[in-house]
Amino acid sequence: TAPLASTRYSRGFGTVYTAAYRPHAG
């Protein structure tokens, strides 16, 4: 959600994906 996520895709600035990594659990 905003402000971290952006939907201004037509202006070249939108959130394409959110990735999450858990190193201990792999």
mmCIF file of all heavy atoms, coordinates in Angstrom:
data_MODEL
# 
_entry.id   MODEL 
# 
loop_
_atom_site.group_PDB 
_atom_site.id 
_atom_site.type_symbol 
_atom_site.label_atom_id 
_atom_site.label_alt_id 
_atom_site.label_comp_id 
_atom_site.label_asym_id 
_atom_site.label_entity_id 
_atom_site.label_seq_id 
_atom_site.pdbx_PDB_ins_code 
_atom_site.Cartn_x 
_atom_site.Cartn_y 
_atom_site.Cartn_z 
_atom_site.occupancy 
_atom_site.B_iso_or_equiv 
_atom_site.pdbx_formal_charge 
_atom_site.auth_seq_id 
_atom_site.auth_comp_id 
_atom_site.auth_asym_id 
_atom_site.auth_atom_id 
_atom_site.pdbx_PDB_model_num 
ATOM 1   N N   . THR A 1 1  ? 0.845  -1.194  0.000   1.00 0.00 ? 1  THR A N   1 
ATOM 2   C CA  . THR A 1 1  ? 0.000  0.000   0.000   1.00 0.00 ? 1  THR A CA  1 
ATOM 3   C C   . THR A 1 1  ? 0.880  1.244   0.000   1.00 0.00 ? 1  THR A C   1 
ATOM 4   O O   . THR A 1 1  ? 2.071  1.197   0.327   1.00 0.00 ? 1  THR A O   1 
ATOM 5   C CB  . THR A 1 1  ? -0.933 0.024   1.228   1.00 0.00 ? 1  THR A CB  1 
ATOM 6   O OG1 . THR A 1 1  ? -0.144 -0.026  2.427   1.00 0.00 ? 1  THR A OG1 1 
ATOM 7   C CG2 . THR A 1 1  ? -1.883 -1.160  1.210   1.00 0.00 ? 1  THR A CG2 1 
ATOM 8   N N   . ALA A 1 2  ? 0.282  2.391   -0.341  1.00 0.00 ? 2  ALA A N   1 
ATOM 9   C CA  . ALA A 1 2  ? 1.004  3.658   -0.312  1.00 0.00 ? 2  ALA A CA  1 
ATOM 10  C C   . ALA A 1 2  ? 1.381  3.993   1.136   1.00 0.00 ? 2  ALA A C   1 
ATOM 11  O O   . ALA A 1 2  ? 0.657  3.618   2.069   1.00 0.00 ? 2  ALA A O   1 
ATOM 12  C CB  . ALA A 1 2  ? 0.122  4.754   -0.896  1.00 0.00 ? 2  ALA A CB  1 
ATOM 13  N N   . PRO A 1 3  ? 2.505  4.690   1.340   1.00 0.00 ? 3  PRO A N   1 
ATOM 14  C CA  . PRO A 1 3  ? 3.374  5.292   0.324   1.00 0.00 ? 3  PRO A CA  1 
ATOM 15  C C   . PRO A 1 3  ? 4.455  4.363   -0.239  1.00 0.00 ? 3  PRO A C   1 
ATOM 16  O O   . PRO A 1 3  ? 5.166  4.766   -1.164  1.00 0.00 ? 3  PRO A O   1 
ATOM 17  C CB  . PRO A 1 3  ? 4.023  6.433   1.093   1.00 0.00 ? 3  PRO A CB  1 
ATOM 18  C CG  . PRO A 1 3  ? 4.173  5.885   2.485   1.00 0.00 ? 3  PRO A CG  1 
ATOM 19  C CD  . PRO A 1 3  ? 2.911  5.084   2.713   1.00 0.00 ? 3  PRO A CD  1 
ATOM 20  N N   . LEU A 1 4  ? 4.604  3.154   0.303   1.00 0.00 ? 4  LEU A N   1 
ATOM 21  C CA  . LEU A 1 4  ? 5.663  2.272   -0.191  1.00 0.00 ? 4  LEU A CA  1 
ATOM 22  C C   . LEU A 1 4  ? 5.335  1.721   -1.567  1.00 0.00 ? 4  LEU A C   1 
ATOM 23  O O   . LEU A 1 4  ? 6.224  1.548   -2.405  1.00 0.00 ? 4  LEU A O   1 
ATOM 24  C CB  . LEU A 1 4  ? 5.907  1.132   0.800   1.00 0.00 ? 4  LEU A CB  1 
ATOM 25  C CG  . LEU A 1 4  ? 6.368  1.558   2.200   1.00 0.00 ? 4  LEU A CG  1 
ATOM 26  C CD1 . LEU A 1 4  ? 6.609  0.331   3.082   1.00 0.00 ? 4  LEU A CD1 1 
ATOM 27  C CD2 . LEU A 1 4  ? 7.627  2.416   2.133   1.00 0.00 ? 4  LEU A CD2 1 
ATOM 28  N N   . ALA A 1 5  ? 4.075  1.408   -1.823  1.00 0.00 ? 5  ALA A N   1 
ATOM 29  C CA  . ALA A 1 5  ? 3.661  0.899   -3.135  1.00 0.00 ? 5  ALA A CA  1 
ATOM 30  C C   . ALA A 1 5  ? 3.177  2.049   -4.011  1.00 0.00 ? 5  ALA A C   1 
ATOM 31  O O   . ALA A 1 5  ? 2.539  2.984   -3.522  1.00 0.00 ? 5  ALA A O   1 
ATOM 32  C CB  . ALA A 1 5  ? 2.563  -0.142  -2.975  1.00 0.00 ? 5  ALA A CB  1 
ATOM 33  N N   . SER A 1 6  ? 3.485  1.953   -5.288  1.00 0.00 ? 6  SER A N   1 
ATOM 34  C CA  . SER A 1 6  ? 3.082  2.983   -6.255  1.00 0.00 ? 6  SER A CA  1 
ATOM 35  C C   . SER A 1 6  ? 2.308  2.349   -7.402  1.00 0.00 ? 6  SER A C   1 
ATOM 36  O O   . SER A 1 6  ? 2.609  1.227   -7.829  1.00 0.00 ? 6  SER A O   1 
ATOM 37  C CB  . SER A 1 6  ? 4.317  3.690   -6.813  1.00 0.00 ? 6  SER A CB  1 
ATOM 38  O OG  . SER A 1 6  ? 3.984  4.526   -7.899  1.00 0.00 ? 6  SER A OG  1 
ATOM 39  N N   . THR A 1 7  ? 1.325  3.070   -7.919  1.00 0.00 ? 7  THR A N   1 
ATOM 40  C CA  . THR A 1 7  ? 0.543  2.591   -9.066  1.00 0.00 ? 7  THR A CA  1 
ATOM 41  C C   . THR A 1 7  ? 0.688  3.505   -10.276 1.00 0.00 ? 7  THR A C   1 
ATOM 42  O O   . THR A 1 7  ? -0.123 3.454   -11.194 1.00 0.00 ? 7  THR A O   1 
ATOM 43  C CB  . THR A 1 7  ? -0.946 2.472   -8.688  1.00 0.00 ? 7  THR A CB  1 
ATOM 44  O OG1 . THR A 1 7  ? -1.436 3.764   -8.298  1.00 0.00 ? 7  THR A OG1 1 
ATOM 45  C CG2 . THR A 1 7  ? -1.136 1.498   -7.538  1.00 0.00 ? 7  THR A CG2 1 
ATOM 46  N N   . ARG A 1 8  ? 1.743  4.312   -10.305 1.00 0.00 ? 8  ARG A N   1 
ATOM 47  C CA  . ARG A 1 8  ? 1.947  5.235   -11.434 1.00 0.00 ? 8  ARG A CA  1 
ATOM 48  C C   . ARG A 1 8  ? 2.682  4.515   -12.575 1.00 0.00 ? 8  ARG A C   1 
ATOM 49  O O   . ARG A 1 8  ? 3.717  4.962   -13.055 1.00 0.00 ? 8  ARG A O   1 
ATOM 50  C CB  . ARG A 1 8  ? 2.715  6.467   -10.965 1.00 0.00 ? 8  ARG A CB  1 
ATOM 51  C CG  . ARG A 1 8  ? 1.921  7.321   -9.987  1.00 0.00 ? 8  ARG A CG  1 
ATOM 52  C CD  . ARG A 1 8  ? 2.642  8.607   -9.652  1.00 0.00 ? 8  ARG A CD  1 
ATOM 53  N NE  . ARG A 1 8  ? 3.855  8.362   -8.891  1.00 0.00 ? 8  ARG A NE  1 
ATOM 54  C CZ  . ARG A 1 8  ? 4.725  9.319   -8.569  1.00 0.00 ? 8  ARG A CZ  1 
ATOM 55  N NH1 . ARG A 1 8  ? 4.532  10.562  -8.976  1.00 0.00 ? 8  ARG A NH1 1 
ATOM 56  N NH2 . ARG A 1 8  ? 5.803  9.029   -7.857  1.00 0.00 ? 8  ARG A NH2 1 
ATOM 57  N N   . TYR A 1 9  ? 2.106  3.420   -13.017 1.00 0.00 ? 9  TYR A N   1 
ATOM 58  C CA  . TYR A 1 9  ? 2.756  2.604   -14.042 1.00 0.00 ? 9  TYR A CA  1 
ATOM 59  C C   . TYR A 1 9  ? 2.920  3.371   -15.358 1.00 0.00 ? 9  TYR A C   1 
ATOM 60  O O   . TYR A 1 9  ? 3.939  3.222   -16.035 1.00 0.00 ? 9  TYR A O   1 
ATOM 61  C CB  . TYR A 1 9  ? 1.952  1.331   -14.281 1.00 0.00 ? 9  TYR A CB  1 
ATOM 62  C CG  . TYR A 1 9  ? 1.796  0.487   -13.036 1.00 0.00 ? 9  TYR A CG  1 
ATOM 63  C CD1 . TYR A 1 9  ? 0.560  0.373   -12.395 1.00 0.00 ? 9  TYR A CD1 1 
ATOM 64  C CD2 . TYR A 1 9  ? 2.878  -0.185  -12.495 1.00 0.00 ? 9  TYR A CD2 1 
ATOM 65  C CE1 . TYR A 1 9  ? 0.417  -0.394  -11.254 1.00 0.00 ? 9  TYR A CE1 1 
ATOM 66  C CE2 . TYR A 1 9  ? 2.741  -0.951  -11.346 1.00 0.00 ? 9  TYR A CE2 1 
ATOM 67  C CZ  . TYR A 1 9  ? 1.506  -1.047  -10.732 1.00 0.00 ? 9  TYR A CZ  1 
ATOM 68  O OH  . TYR A 1 9  ? 1.378  -1.798  -9.596  1.00 0.00 ? 9  TYR A OH  1 
ATOM 69  N N   . SER A 1 10 ? 1.939  4.175   -15.716 1.00 0.00 ? 10 SER A N   1 
ATOM 70  C CA  . SER A 1 10 ? 1.991  4.894   -16.984 1.00 0.00 ? 10 SER A CA  1 
ATOM 71  C C   . SER A 1 10 ? 3.100  5.946   -16.991 1.00 0.00 ? 10 SER A C   1 
ATOM 72  O O   . SER A 1 10 ? 3.514  6.405   -18.053 1.00 0.00 ? 10 SER A O   1 
ATOM 73  C CB  . SER A 1 10 ? 0.647  5.563   -17.275 1.00 0.00 ? 10 SER A CB  1 
ATOM 74  O OG  . SER A 1 10 ? 0.335  6.526   -16.289 1.00 0.00 ? 10 SER A OG  1 
ATOM 75  N N   . ARG A 1 11 ? 3.604  6.315   -15.824 1.00 0.00 ? 11 ARG A N   1 
ATOM 76  C CA  . ARG A 1 11 ? 4.694  7.289   -15.724 1.00 0.00 ? 11 ARG A CA  1 
ATOM 77  C C   . ARG A 1 11 ? 6.034  6.618   -15.443 1.00 0.00 ? 11 ARG A C   1 
ATOM 78  O O   . ARG A 1 11 ? 7.023  7.279   -15.141 1.00 0.00 ? 11 ARG A O   1 
ATOM 79  C CB  . ARG A 1 11 ? 4.381  8.317   -14.632 1.00 0.00 ? 11 ARG A CB  1 
ATOM 80  C CG  . ARG A 1 11 ? 3.122  9.142   -14.905 1.00 0.00 ? 11 ARG A CG  1 
ATOM 81  C CD  . ARG A 1 11 ? 3.011  10.279  -13.928 1.00 0.00 ? 11 ARG A CD  1 
ATOM 82  N NE  . ARG A 1 11 ? 4.126  11.215  -14.070 1.00 0.00 ? 11 ARG A NE  1 
ATOM 83  C CZ  . ARG A 1 11 ? 4.419  12.175  -13.181 1.00 0.00 ? 11 ARG A CZ  1 
ATOM 84  N NH1 . ARG A 1 11 ? 3.679  12.298  -12.086 1.00 0.00 ? 11 ARG A NH1 1 
ATOM 85  N NH2 . ARG A 1 11 ? 5.440  12.979  -13.376 1.00 0.00 ? 11 ARG A NH2 1 
ATOM 86  N N   . GLY A 1 12 ? 6.066  5.280   -15.561 1.00 0.00 ? 12 GLY A N   1 
ATOM 87  C CA  . GLY A 1 12 ? 7.318  4.560   -15.402 1.00 0.00 ? 12 GLY A CA  1 
ATOM 88  C C   . GLY A 1 12 ? 7.722  4.316   -13.970 1.00 0.00 ? 12 GLY A C   1 
ATOM 89  O O   . GLY A 1 12 ? 8.882  3.983   -13.693 1.00 0.00 ? 12 GLY A O   1 
ATOM 90  N N   . PHE A 1 13 ? 6.779  4.459   -13.022 1.00 0.00 ? 13 PHE A N   1 
ATOM 91  C CA  . PHE A 1 13 ? 7.126  4.295   -11.606 1.00 0.00 ? 13 PHE A CA  1 
ATOM 92  C C   . PHE A 1 13 ? 5.967  3.618   -10.903 1.00 0.00 ? 13 PHE A C   1 
ATOM 93  O O   . PHE A 1 13 ? 5.089  4.253   -10.339 1.00 0.00 ? 13 PHE A O   1 
ATOM 94  C CB  . PHE A 1 13 ? 7.419  5.654   -10.970 1.00 0.00 ? 13 PHE A CB  1 
ATOM 95  C CG  . PHE A 1 13 ? 7.807  5.571   -9.515  1.00 0.00 ? 13 PHE A CG  1 
ATOM 96  C CD1 . PHE A 1 13 ? 9.019  5.028   -9.136  1.00 0.00 ? 13 PHE A CD1 1 
ATOM 97  C CD2 . PHE A 1 13 ? 6.963  6.047   -8.534  1.00 0.00 ? 13 PHE A CD2 1 
ATOM 98  C CE1 . PHE A 1 13 ? 9.381  4.959   -7.798  1.00 0.00 ? 13 PHE A CE1 1 
ATOM 99  C CE2 . PHE A 1 13 ? 7.313  5.982   -7.189  1.00 0.00 ? 13 PHE A CE2 1 
ATOM 100 C CZ  . PHE A 1 13 ? 8.522  5.443   -6.824  1.00 0.00 ? 13 PHE A CZ  1 
ATOM 101 N N   . GLY A 1 14 ? 5.955  2.280   -10.938 1.00 0.00 ? 14 GLY A N   1 
ATOM 102 C CA  . GLY A 1 14 ? 4.928  1.517   -10.258 1.00 0.00 ? 14 GLY A CA  1 
ATOM 103 C C   . GLY A 1 14 ? 5.545  0.268   -9.651  1.00 0.00 ? 14 GLY A C   1 
ATOM 104 O O   . GLY A 1 14 ? 6.585  -0.208  -10.102 1.00 0.00 ? 14 GLY A O   1 
ATOM 105 N N   . THR A 1 15 ? 4.902  -0.265  -8.631  1.00 0.00 ? 15 THR A N   1 
ATOM 106 C CA  . THR A 1 15 ? 5.414  -1.454  -7.969  1.00 0.00 ? 15 THR A CA  1 
ATOM 107 C C   . THR A 1 15 ? 5.085  -2.686  -8.808  1.00 0.00 ? 15 THR A C   1 
ATOM 108 O O   . THR A 1 15 ? 3.917  -3.038  -8.975  1.00 0.00 ? 15 THR A O   1 
ATOM 109 C CB  . THR A 1 15 ? 4.824  -1.583  -6.556  1.00 0.00 ? 15 THR A CB  1 
ATOM 110 O OG1 . THR A 1 15 ? 5.195  -0.420  -5.803  1.00 0.00 ? 15 THR A OG1 1 
ATOM 111 C CG2 . THR A 1 15 ? 5.350  -2.821  -5.852  1.00 0.00 ? 15 THR A CG2 1 
ATOM 112 N N   . VAL A 1 16 ? 6.111  -3.336  -9.321  1.00 0.00 ? 16 VAL A N   1 
ATOM 113 C CA  . VAL A 1 16 ? 5.951  -4.493  -10.203 1.00 0.00 ? 16 VAL A CA  1 
ATOM 114 C C   . VAL A 1 16 ? 5.746  -5.761  -9.382  1.00 0.00 ? 16 VAL A C   1 
ATOM 115 O O   . VAL A 1 16 ? 4.944  -6.622  -9.743  1.00 0.00 ? 16 VAL A O   1 
ATOM 116 C CB  . VAL A 1 16 ? 7.167  -4.633  -11.131 1.00 0.00 ? 16 VAL A CB  1 
ATOM 117 C CG1 . VAL A 1 16 ? 7.005  -5.826  -12.062 1.00 0.00 ? 16 VAL A CG1 1 
ATOM 118 C CG2 . VAL A 1 16 ? 7.373  -3.354  -11.932 1.00 0.00 ? 16 VAL A CG2 1 
ATOM 119 N N   . TYR A 1 17 ? 6.471  -5.887  -8.286  1.00 0.00 ? 17 TYR A N   1 
ATOM 120 C CA  . TYR A 1 17 ? 6.299  -7.034  -7.391  1.00 0.00 ? 17 TYR A CA  1 
ATOM 121 C C   . TYR A 1 17 ? 6.870  -6.673  -6.028  1.00 0.00 ? 17 TYR A C   1 
ATOM 122 O O   . TYR A 1 17 ? 7.675  -5.748  -5.885  1.00 0.00 ? 17 TYR A O   1 
ATOM 123 C CB  . TYR A 1 17 ? 6.991  -8.291  -7.938  1.00 0.00 ? 17 TYR A CB  1 
ATOM 124 C CG  . TYR A 1 17 ? 8.496  -8.190  -8.059  1.00 0.00 ? 17 TYR A CG  1 
ATOM 125 C CD1 . TYR A 1 17 ? 9.336  -8.427  -6.955  1.00 0.00 ? 17 TYR A CD1 1 
ATOM 126 C CD2 . TYR A 1 17 ? 9.105  -7.865  -9.272  1.00 0.00 ? 17 TYR A CD2 1 
ATOM 127 C CE1 . TYR A 1 17 ? 10.717 -8.327  -7.060  1.00 0.00 ? 17 TYR A CE1 1 
ATOM 128 C CE2 . TYR A 1 17 ? 10.485 -7.768  -9.383  1.00 0.00 ? 17 TYR A CE2 1 
ATOM 129 C CZ  . TYR A 1 17 ? 11.283 -7.997  -8.276  1.00 0.00 ? 17 TYR A CZ  1 
ATOM 130 O OH  . TYR A 1 17 ? 12.651 -7.896  -8.379  1.00 0.00 ? 17 TYR A OH  1 
ATOM 131 N N   . THR A 1 18 ? 6.441  -7.412  -5.027  1.00 0.00 ? 18 THR A N   1 
ATOM 132 C CA  . THR A 1 18 ? 7.033  -7.348  -3.691  1.00 0.00 ? 18 THR A CA  1 
ATOM 133 C C   . THR A 1 18 ? 7.665  -8.701  -3.414  1.00 0.00 ? 18 THR A C   1 
ATOM 134 O O   . THR A 1 18 ? 6.983  -9.730  -3.453  1.00 0.00 ? 18 THR A O   1 
ATOM 135 C CB  . THR A 1 18 ? 5.967  -7.037  -2.626  1.00 0.00 ? 18 THR A CB  1 
ATOM 136 O OG1 . THR A 1 18 ? 5.360  -5.778  -2.918  1.00 0.00 ? 18 THR A OG1 1 
ATOM 137 C CG2 . THR A 1 18 ? 6.583  -6.993  -1.232  1.00 0.00 ? 18 THR A CG2 1 
ATOM 138 N N   . ALA A 1 19 ? 8.968  -8.711  -3.174  1.00 0.00 ? 19 ALA A N   1 
ATOM 139 C CA  . ALA A 1 19 ? 9.688  -9.955  -2.900  1.00 0.00 ? 19 ALA A CA  1 
ATOM 140 C C   . ALA A 1 19 ? 10.037 -10.026 -1.426  1.00 0.00 ? 19 ALA A C   1 
ATOM 141 O O   . ALA A 1 19 ? 10.392 -9.011  -0.810  1.00 0.00 ? 19 ALA A O   1 
ATOM 142 C CB  . ALA A 1 19 ? 10.963 -10.036 -3.738  1.00 0.00 ? 19 ALA A CB  1 
ATOM 143 N N   . ALA A 1 20 ? 9.959  -11.221 -0.854  1.00 0.00 ? 20 ALA A N   1 
ATOM 144 C CA  . ALA A 1 20 ? 10.323 -11.434 0.542   1.00 0.00 ? 20 ALA A CA  1 
ATOM 145 C C   . ALA A 1 20 ? 11.219 -12.667 0.641   1.00 0.00 ? 20 ALA A C   1 
ATOM 146 O O   . ALA A 1 20 ? 10.909 -13.718 0.069   1.00 0.00 ? 20 ALA A O   1 
ATOM 147 C CB  . ALA A 1 20 ? 9.080  -11.608 1.407   1.00 0.00 ? 20 ALA A CB  1 
ATOM 148 N N   . TYR A 1 21 ? 12.318 -12.517 1.362   1.00 0.00 ? 21 TYR A N   1 
ATOM 149 C CA  . TYR A 1 21 ? 13.281 -13.598 1.537   1.00 0.00 ? 21 TYR A CA  1 
ATOM 150 C C   . TYR A 1 21 ? 13.453 -13.880 3.025   1.00 0.00 ? 21 TYR A C   1 
ATOM 151 O O   . TYR A 1 21 ? 13.669 -12.969 3.828   1.00 0.00 ? 21 TYR A O   1 
ATOM 152 C CB  . TYR A 1 21 ? 14.634 -13.213 0.927   1.00 0.00 ? 21 TYR A CB  1 
ATOM 153 C CG  . TYR A 1 21 ? 14.579 -13.016 -0.564  1.00 0.00 ? 21 TYR A CG  1 
ATOM 154 C CD1 . TYR A 1 21 ? 14.304 -11.758 -1.108  1.00 0.00 ? 21 TYR A CD1 1 
ATOM 155 C CD2 . TYR A 1 21 ? 14.793 -14.077 -1.442  1.00 0.00 ? 21 TYR A CD2 1 
ATOM 156 C CE1 . TYR A 1 21 ? 14.250 -11.566 -2.483  1.00 0.00 ? 21 TYR A CE1 1 
ATOM 157 C CE2 . TYR A 1 21 ? 14.743 -13.900 -2.814  1.00 0.00 ? 21 TYR A CE2 1 
ATOM 158 C CZ  . TYR A 1 21 ? 14.462 -12.643 -3.328  1.00 0.00 ? 21 TYR A CZ  1 
ATOM 159 O OH  . TYR A 1 21 ? 14.410 -12.459 -4.688  1.00 0.00 ? 21 TYR A OH  1 
ATOM 160 N N   . ARG A 1 22 ? 13.373 -15.174 3.380   1.00 0.00 ? 22 ARG A N   1 
ATOM 161 C CA  . ARG A 1 22 ? 13.605 -15.630 4.746   1.00 0.00 ? 22 ARG A CA  1 
ATOM 162 C C   . ARG A 1 22 ? 14.871 -16.495 4.734   1.00 0.00 ? 22 ARG A C   1 
ATOM 163 O O   . ARG A 1 22 ? 14.805 -17.698 4.449   1.00 0.00 ? 22 ARG A O   1 
ATOM 164 C CB  . ARG A 1 22 ? 12.413 -16.451 5.243   1.00 0.00 ? 22 ARG A CB  1 
ATOM 165 C CG  . ARG A 1 22 ? 11.222 -15.636 5.718   1.00 0.00 ? 22 ARG A CG  1 
ATOM 166 C CD  . ARG A 1 22 ? 11.497 -15.048 7.088   1.00 0.00 ? 22 ARG A CD  1 
ATOM 167 N NE  . ARG A 1 22 ? 10.278 -14.610 7.773   1.00 0.00 ? 22 ARG A NE  1 
ATOM 168 C CZ  . ARG A 1 22 ? 10.290 -14.103 8.994   1.00 0.00 ? 22 ARG A CZ  1 
ATOM 169 N NH1 . ARG A 1 22 ? 11.435 -13.984 9.659   1.00 0.00 ? 22 ARG A NH1 1 
ATOM 170 N NH2 . ARG A 1 22 ? 9.167  -13.719 9.561   1.00 0.00 ? 22 ARG A NH2 1 
ATOM 171 N N   . PRO A 1 23 ? 16.041 -15.918 5.034   1.00 0.00 ? 23 PRO A N   1 
ATOM 172 C CA  . PRO A 1 23 ? 17.295 -16.682 4.926   1.00 0.00 ? 23 PRO A CA  1 
ATOM 173 C C   . PRO A 1 23 ? 17.355 -17.909 5.819   1.00 0.00 ? 23 PRO A C   1 
ATOM 174 O O   . PRO A 1 23 ? 17.879 -18.949 5.401   1.00 0.00 ? 23 PRO A O   1 
ATOM 175 C CB  . PRO A 1 23 ? 18.360 -15.649 5.342   1.00 0.00 ? 23 PRO A CB  1 
ATOM 176 C CG  . PRO A 1 23 ? 17.746 -14.328 5.025   1.00 0.00 ? 23 PRO A CG  1 
ATOM 177 C CD  . PRO A 1 23 ? 16.286 -14.489 5.314   1.00 0.00 ? 23 PRO A CD  1 
ATOM 178 N N   . HIS A 1 24 ? 16.840 -17.813 7.038   1.00 0.00 ? 24 HIS A N   1 
ATOM 179 C CA  . HIS A 1 24 ? 16.936 -18.952 7.953   1.00 0.00 ? 24 HIS A CA  1 
ATOM 180 C C   . HIS A 1 24 ? 16.086 -20.124 7.461   1.00 0.00 ? 24 HIS A C   1 
ATOM 181 O O   . HIS A 1 24 ? 16.502 -21.284 7.538   1.00 0.00 ? 24 HIS A O   1 
ATOM 182 C CB  . HIS A 1 24 ? 16.485 -18.542 9.354   1.00 0.00 ? 24 HIS A CB  1 
ATOM 183 C CG  . HIS A 1 24 ? 16.708 -19.600 10.389  1.00 0.00 ? 24 HIS A CG  1 
ATOM 184 N ND1 . HIS A 1 24 ? 17.968 -19.935 10.847  1.00 0.00 ? 24 HIS A ND1 1 
ATOM 185 C CD2 . HIS A 1 24 ? 15.842 -20.426 11.043  1.00 0.00 ? 24 HIS A CD2 1 
ATOM 186 C CE1 . HIS A 1 24 ? 17.863 -20.901 11.744  1.00 0.00 ? 24 HIS A CE1 1 
ATOM 187 N NE2 . HIS A 1 24 ? 16.589 -21.223 11.881  1.00 0.00 ? 24 HIS A NE2 1 
ATOM 188 N N   . ALA A 1 25 ? 14.912 -19.826 6.917   1.00 0.00 ? 25 ALA A N   1 
ATOM 189 C CA  . ALA A 1 25 ? 14.008 -20.879 6.440   1.00 0.00 ? 25 ALA A CA  1 
ATOM 190 C C   . ALA A 1 25 ? 14.245 -21.241 4.979   1.00 0.00 ? 25 ALA A C   1 
ATOM 191 O O   . ALA A 1 25 ? 13.725 -22.252 4.499   1.00 0.00 ? 25 ALA A O   1 
ATOM 192 C CB  . ALA A 1 25 ? 12.557 -20.435 6.627   1.00 0.00 ? 25 ALA A CB  1 
ATOM 193 N N   . GLY A 1 26 ? 15.015 -20.422 4.243   1.00 0.00 ? 26 GLY A N   1 
ATOM 194 C CA  . GLY A 1 26 ? 15.235 -20.681 2.825   1.00 0.00 ? 26 GLY A CA  1 
ATOM 195 C C   . GLY A 1 26 ? 13.989 -20.501 1.983   1.00 0.00 ? 26 GLY A C   1 
ATOM 196 O O   . GLY A 1 26 ? 13.817 -21.166 0.960   1.00 0.00 ? 26 GLY A O   1 
# 
